N, C-alpha and C. Protein backbone atom coordinates (compact mmCIF):
# COMPACT_ATOMS: atom_id res chain seq x y z
N UNK A 1 1.03 -0.83 0.21
CA UNK A 1 0.27 0.00 -0.11
C UNK A 1 0.93 1.14 0.26
N UNK A 2 0.66 2.06 -0.56
CA UNK A 2 1.36 2.94 -0.90
C UNK A 2 0.24 4.56 -0.57
N UNK A 3 0.90 5.62 0.39
CA UNK A 3 -0.05 6.57 0.87
C UNK A 3 0.14 7.45 -0.22
N UNK A 4 -1.18 8.03 -0.62
CA UNK A 4 -1.00 9.26 -2.03
C UNK A 4 -0.47 10.89 -1.29
N UNK A 5 -1.63 11.01 -0.19
CA UNK A 5 -1.70 12.17 0.22
C UNK A 5 -0.45 12.58 1.51
N UNK A 6 -0.34 13.99 2.24
CA UNK A 6 0.31 14.03 2.64
C UNK A 6 -0.11 13.68 4.50
N UNK A 7 -1.74 13.80 4.30
CA UNK A 7 -2.71 13.45 5.63
C UNK A 7 -2.46 11.56 5.75
N UNK A 8 -2.55 11.06 4.57
CA UNK A 8 -2.01 9.47 4.73
C UNK A 8 -0.93 9.44 5.22
N UNK A 9 -0.02 9.93 4.33
CA UNK A 9 1.64 9.57 5.05
C UNK A 9 1.82 9.74 6.67
N UNK A 10 1.22 10.92 7.17
CA UNK A 10 1.46 11.18 8.46
C UNK A 10 0.77 10.38 9.32
N UNK A 11 -0.52 9.82 8.64
CA UNK A 11 -1.25 9.29 9.49
C UNK A 11 -0.84 8.00 9.69
N UNK A 12 0.09 6.91 8.84
CA UNK A 12 0.87 6.08 8.45
C UNK A 12 2.01 6.19 9.40
N UNK A 13 2.68 7.40 9.07
CA UNK A 13 3.84 7.47 10.14
C UNK A 13 3.65 7.16 11.99
N UNK A 14 2.59 8.15 11.90
CA UNK A 14 2.19 7.80 13.43
C UNK A 14 1.78 6.49 13.94
N UNK A 15 1.06 5.70 12.72
CA UNK A 15 0.82 4.18 13.42
C UNK A 15 2.40 3.30 13.61
N UNK A 16 2.89 3.83 12.68
CA UNK A 16 4.18 3.04 12.89
C UNK A 16 5.08 3.62 14.12
N UNK A 17 5.05 5.09 14.20
CA UNK A 17 5.51 5.20 15.81
C UNK A 17 4.78 4.59 17.33
N UNK A 18 3.71 4.41 16.99
CA UNK A 18 3.04 3.77 18.01
C UNK A 18 3.05 2.35 18.14
N UNK A 19 3.25 1.42 16.55
CA UNK A 19 3.68 -0.01 17.13
C UNK A 19 5.03 0.10 17.60
N UNK A 20 5.96 0.93 17.01
CA UNK A 20 7.42 0.85 18.02
C UNK A 20 7.51 1.33 19.45
N UNK A 21 6.90 2.09 20.10
CA UNK A 21 6.63 2.43 21.51
C UNK A 21 5.77 1.09 22.08
N UNK A 22 5.07 0.20 21.04
CA UNK A 22 4.25 -1.01 21.84
C UNK A 22 4.80 -1.88 21.45
N UNK A 23 6.52 -2.08 20.71
CA UNK A 23 7.15 -3.35 20.67
C UNK A 23 6.55 -4.04 19.41
N UNK A 24 5.45 -3.74 18.75
CA UNK A 24 4.84 -4.04 17.61
C UNK A 24 6.10 -4.55 16.28
N UNK A 25 7.50 -5.20 16.53
CA UNK A 25 7.78 -4.70 15.46
C UNK A 25 7.59 -5.34 13.74
N UNK A 26 6.87 -6.10 13.70
CA UNK A 26 6.42 -6.72 12.77
C UNK A 26 5.54 -5.75 11.59
N UNK A 27 4.53 -5.25 12.63
CA UNK A 27 3.46 -4.12 12.50
C UNK A 27 4.38 -3.18 11.99
N UNK A 28 5.65 -2.49 12.71
CA UNK A 28 6.34 -1.26 12.37
C UNK A 28 6.99 -1.59 11.14
N UNK A 29 7.47 -2.58 10.88
CA UNK A 29 8.48 -2.99 9.85
C UNK A 29 7.22 -3.09 8.64
N UNK A 30 6.45 -3.78 8.38
CA UNK A 30 5.18 -3.17 7.16
C UNK A 30 4.76 -1.93 7.36
N UNK A 31 4.71 -1.14 8.17
CA UNK A 31 4.41 0.42 7.80
C UNK A 31 5.38 1.10 7.50
N UNK A 32 6.50 1.26 7.67
CA UNK A 32 7.88 1.90 7.55
C UNK A 32 8.13 1.37 6.16
N UNK A 33 8.25 0.11 5.94
CA UNK A 33 8.49 -0.29 4.81
C UNK A 33 7.50 0.32 3.59
N UNK A 34 6.60 0.42 3.58
CA UNK A 34 5.64 0.89 2.66
C UNK A 34 5.81 2.73 2.44
N UNK A 35 5.64 2.92 4.11
CA UNK A 35 6.11 4.76 3.60
C UNK A 35 7.60 4.56 3.02
N UNK A 36 8.43 3.79 3.08
CA UNK A 36 9.86 3.89 2.34
C UNK A 36 9.79 3.94 0.87
N UNK A 37 8.41 2.57 0.50
CA UNK A 37 8.49 2.59 -1.00
C UNK A 37 8.15 3.58 -2.10
N UNK A 38 7.20 4.68 -0.66
CA UNK A 38 6.34 5.95 -1.40
C UNK A 38 7.46 7.20 -1.82
N UNK A 39 8.29 6.77 -0.78
CA UNK A 39 9.19 8.41 -0.45
C UNK A 39 10.40 8.24 0.44
N UNK A 40 11.59 8.31 0.16
CA UNK A 40 12.86 7.92 0.95
C UNK A 40 13.01 8.87 1.67
N UNK A 41 12.58 9.06 2.59
CA UNK A 41 12.97 10.28 3.93
C UNK A 41 14.04 10.00 4.95
N UNK A 42 14.54 10.72 5.34
CA UNK A 42 15.55 10.35 6.68
C UNK A 42 14.71 9.70 7.94
N UNK A 43 13.48 10.59 8.11
CA UNK A 43 13.02 10.00 9.33
C UNK A 43 12.33 8.85 9.11
N UNK A 44 12.09 8.56 7.81
CA UNK A 44 11.20 6.78 7.58
C UNK A 44 12.21 6.11 7.49
N UNK A 45 13.57 6.41 7.38
CA UNK A 45 14.70 5.76 6.82
C UNK A 45 15.31 5.29 8.43
N UNK A 46 15.64 6.11 9.63
CA UNK A 46 15.55 6.40 10.82
C UNK A 46 14.81 5.04 11.65
N UNK A 47 13.39 5.45 11.41
CA UNK A 47 12.66 4.42 11.77
C UNK A 47 12.75 3.01 11.66
N UNK A 48 12.93 3.23 9.88
CA UNK A 48 12.39 1.35 9.43
C UNK A 48 13.96 1.01 10.09
N UNK A 49 15.17 1.80 9.83
CA UNK A 49 16.56 0.79 10.31
C UNK A 49 16.38 0.79 11.89
N UNK A 50 15.21 1.58 12.76
CA UNK A 50 15.54 0.80 14.43
C UNK A 50 14.64 -0.27 14.41
N UNK A 51 14.16 -0.23 13.48
CA UNK A 51 12.63 -1.66 13.62
C UNK A 51 13.53 -2.58 12.84
N UNK A 52 14.22 -2.78 11.95
CA UNK A 52 15.00 -3.78 11.49
C UNK A 52 16.42 -4.02 12.78
N UNK A 53 16.44 -3.08 13.36
CA UNK A 53 17.53 -3.61 14.17
C UNK A 53 16.96 -4.55 15.47
N UNK A 54 15.62 -4.30 16.00
CA UNK A 54 15.00 -5.31 16.67
C UNK A 54 14.40 -6.20 15.88
N UNK A 55 14.24 -6.27 14.74
CA UNK A 55 14.16 -7.53 14.02
C UNK A 55 15.36 -8.62 13.80
N UNK A 56 16.88 -7.81 14.34
CA UNK A 56 17.94 -8.86 13.71
C UNK A 56 18.21 -8.75 12.24
N UNK A 57 17.89 -7.69 11.28
CA UNK A 57 17.93 -7.89 10.60
C UNK A 57 18.87 -6.47 9.91
N UNK A 58 20.24 -7.02 10.65
CA UNK A 58 21.16 -6.02 10.52
C UNK A 58 21.83 -5.62 9.52
N UNK A 59 21.63 -6.03 8.40
CA UNK A 59 22.47 -5.42 7.47
C UNK A 59 21.69 -4.55 6.68
N UNK A 60 19.90 -5.11 6.87
CA UNK A 60 18.93 -3.92 5.73
C UNK A 60 18.87 -2.22 7.39
N UNK A 61 19.04 -2.92 8.46
CA UNK A 61 18.94 -1.81 9.88
C UNK A 61 20.43 -0.71 9.51
N UNK A 62 21.48 -1.46 9.00
CA UNK A 62 22.53 -0.33 9.16
C UNK A 62 22.34 0.61 7.49
N UNK A 63 22.05 -0.47 6.39
CA UNK A 63 21.75 0.40 5.17
C UNK A 63 20.59 1.54 5.32
N UNK A 64 19.78 1.17 5.89
CA UNK A 64 18.41 2.27 6.35
C UNK A 64 19.12 3.11 7.26
N UNK A 65 19.44 2.96 8.39
CA UNK A 65 20.61 3.82 9.24
C UNK A 65 21.43 4.44 8.78
N UNK A 66 21.88 4.21 7.80
CA UNK A 66 23.72 5.29 7.54
C UNK A 66 22.03 6.40 6.55
N UNK A 67 21.70 5.89 5.75
CA UNK A 67 21.30 6.66 4.31
C UNK A 67 20.61 7.87 5.20
N UNK A 68 19.30 7.33 6.59
CA UNK A 68 18.96 8.23 7.34
C UNK A 68 19.85 9.52 8.34
N UNK A 69 21.24 9.07 8.77
CA UNK A 69 22.11 9.94 8.98
C UNK A 69 23.04 10.75 7.82
N UNK A 70 23.13 10.45 6.97
CA UNK A 70 23.49 10.98 6.15
C UNK A 70 22.69 12.24 5.45
N UNK A 71 21.52 12.14 5.36
CA UNK A 71 20.90 13.24 5.25
C UNK A 71 20.26 14.28 6.30
N UNK A 72 20.88 14.14 7.69
CA UNK A 72 20.33 14.74 8.74
C UNK A 72 21.01 15.91 8.61
């Protein structure tokens, strides 16, 4: 699912952030992966990297975290 509007992306980002806070890593990964497909921004990269780290997907986590840090 790709979000089309800014409001849709914002709502998805908030849902992903809540999933992280609740440690629902698979849900958060699905949400942030979909956001990433729509737009590769630093904030999505950093959140996706954090989620991937917790899922022990270290290579993907390192890639997204590095991308996010590069754009800060």
